[in-house]
Protein backbone atom coordinates (compact mmCIF):
# COMPACT_ATOMS: atom_id res chain seq x y z
CA VAL A 1 2.24 20.49 -8.53
CA PRO A 2 3.52 19.59 -4.75
CA ASP A 3 6.36 21.43 -3.40
CA TRP A 4 8.58 18.26 -2.43
CA SER A 5 11.98 19.82 -1.88
CA GLY A 6 11.22 19.43 1.86
CA MET A 7 10.42 15.86 1.44
CA ARG A 8 12.72 13.55 3.49
CA HIS A 9 10.77 10.09 3.21
CA ALA A 10 7.66 8.87 0.82
CA ILE A 11 5.86 5.98 0.16
CA GLY A 12 2.79 5.03 -1.69
CA GLY A 13 0.18 3.29 0.21
CA GLY A 14 -3.50 2.86 1.64
CA PRO A 15 -5.95 3.80 3.25
CA PHE A 16 -4.82 5.04 6.59
CA LEU A 17 -5.35 3.18 9.66
CA VAL A 18 -4.29 5.97 12.37
CA LYS A 19 -3.84 8.92 12.26
CA ASP A 20 -2.74 11.13 15.01
CA GLY A 21 -3.25 8.30 17.50
CA GLN A 22 -6.69 7.26 16.50
CA PRO A 23 -8.18 4.95 14.03
CA TYR A 24 -8.73 6.36 10.72
CA VAL A 25 -9.92 4.07 7.93
CA ASP A 26 -12.45 5.54 5.84
CA THR A 27 -11.88 4.83 2.53
CA LYS A 28 -14.05 6.89 0.32
CA VAL A 29 -12.73 9.93 1.90
CA GLN A 30 -9.41 9.00 1.18
CA GLY A 31 -10.15 8.02 -2.30
CA PHE A 32 -10.02 4.50 -1.67
CA SER A 33 -13.60 3.59 -2.66
CA HIS A 34 -12.84 0.21 -4.57
CA PHE A 35 -11.33 -0.82 -1.12
CA PRO A 36 -13.83 -2.99 0.87
CA GLU A 37 -13.43 -2.48 4.14
CA GLN A 38 -14.57 -5.51 5.67
CA GLU A 39 -13.14 -7.79 2.81
CA ARG A 40 -10.68 -10.06 5.33
CA THR A 41 -7.77 -11.15 3.20
CA ALA A 42 -4.24 -11.62 3.92
CA ARG A 43 -3.07 -7.53 4.75
CA SER A 44 1.01 -5.50 5.05
CA ALA A 45 0.66 -2.52 6.89
CA LEU A 46 2.99 0.31 8.14
CA GLY A 47 3.36 2.11 11.12
CA ILE A 48 5.17 4.94 13.25
CA ARG A 49 4.98 5.08 16.97
CA ALA A 50 5.45 8.45 19.40
CA ASP A 51 9.26 7.30 19.30
CA GLY A 52 10.23 6.90 15.98
CA THR A 53 9.86 3.03 16.03
CA VAL A 54 8.71 2.02 12.84
CA LEU A 55 6.24 -0.99 12.36
CA MET A 56 5.94 -3.88 9.31
CA VAL A 57 3.05 -5.70 10.43
CA VAL A 58 1.35 -8.86 7.98
CA ALA A 59 -1.83 -10.44 8.87
CA GLU A 60 -2.14 -13.93 7.13
CA ARG A 61 -4.83 -15.51 5.25
CA GLY A 62 -5.20 -19.47 4.36
CA ARG A 63 -3.24 -20.67 6.92
CA ASP A 64 -4.74 -22.99 9.62
CA GLY A 65 -7.91 -21.94 9.02
CA VAL A 66 -6.81 -17.97 9.08
CA VAL A 67 -8.64 -16.26 7.18
CA GLY A 68 -7.12 -12.70 7.35
CA VAL A 69 -8.27 -9.14 8.87
CA THR A 70 -10.52 -6.08 7.86
CA LEU A 71 -9.37 -3.14 7.26
CA PRO A 72 -10.97 -2.07 10.93
CA GLN A 73 -9.34 -5.01 12.37
CA LEU A 74 -6.10 -4.23 11.21
CA SER A 75 -6.24 -0.53 12.16
CA HIS A 76 -7.28 -1.76 16.22
CA ALA A 77 -4.26 -4.23 15.71
CA MET A 78 -1.95 -1.10 14.97
CA LEU A 79 -3.27 0.70 17.61
CA ALA A 80 -2.72 -2.15 19.91
CA LEU A 81 1.23 -2.27 18.80
CA ARG A 82 1.09 1.54 19.96
CA ALA A 83 1.24 2.93 16.27
CA ARG A 84 0.75 6.81 16.06
CA ASP A 85 -0.16 6.75 12.71
CA ALA A 86 -0.10 3.74 10.15
CA MET A 87 -1.11 3.07 6.39
CA ASN A 88 -2.16 -0.06 4.16
CA LEU A 89 0.15 -1.49 1.83
CA ASP A 90 -0.74 -3.69 -0.66
CA GLY A 91 -2.33 -6.92 0.70
CA GLY A 92 -4.08 -10.36 -0.83
CA LYS A 93 -2.29 -12.48 -3.04
CA SER A 94 0.84 -9.96 -3.01
CA THR A 95 1.43 -9.81 0.97
CA GLN A 96 4.64 -11.06 1.78
CA LEU A 97 7.27 -10.22 4.62
CA ALA A 98 11.03 -11.17 4.66
CA VAL A 99 13.20 -10.55 7.28
CA GLN A 100 17.07 -10.59 6.79
CA GLY A 101 16.54 -11.81 3.28
CA ARG A 102 14.51 -15.03 3.72
CA THR A 103 10.94 -14.78 3.55
CA VAL A 104 8.66 -15.92 6.53
CA TYR A 105 5.30 -15.55 5.23
CA ALA A 106 3.54 -15.45 1.55
CA ALA A 107 -0.10 -15.65 0.92
CA VAL A 108 0.51 -17.32 -2.33
CA PRO A 109 3.92 -19.46 -1.62
CA GLY A 110 6.26 -20.14 -4.42
CA ALA A 111 4.42 -16.82 -6.14
CA ALA A 112 6.72 -15.38 -8.27
CA PRO A 113 8.29 -12.09 -6.74
CA VAL A 114 6.51 -8.93 -5.91
CA SER A 115 7.67 -6.25 -8.34
CA THR A 116 8.09 -3.69 -5.24
CA GLY A 117 8.99 -3.46 -2.01
CA LEU A 118 9.95 -1.30 1.27
CA TYR A 119 13.49 -2.53 2.25
CA LEU A 120 14.54 -1.34 5.91
CA VAL A 121 18.35 -1.48 6.26
CA PRO A 122 19.97 -0.99 9.84
CA ASN A 123 22.17 2.68 9.97
CA ARG A 124 25.18 0.86 10.83
CA LEU A 125 26.80 4.47 11.56
CA ALA A 126 24.30 6.03 13.66
CA ALA A 127 25.24 3.46 15.98
CA LYS A 128 28.64 4.23 16.34
């Protein structure tokens, strides 16, 4: 049983894409052997830069001939955005991104809402 007492934040997902500023896509070692690394599909990723900036990225598939990305391609994209650490989130048909309550990308337009999500809300108290 892990000791969660010191945990400030946690999120489930995977596999990792970037670890300590280096590409790190090894689905077998990370326990995601059912993920085909070279499959091109819509994907979502979460990353963090060394300065604490959070990156939320969506790779599209299906619009105007866009064929999606592989896990290694998404890893390289996160590195290009200067992610120190990054991980793959859910992808494929459930890939969606909303900004300020407006859906800006849905892998399947008009699909049912996803049942889980990650929400980033500005800390207005920190700005004061």
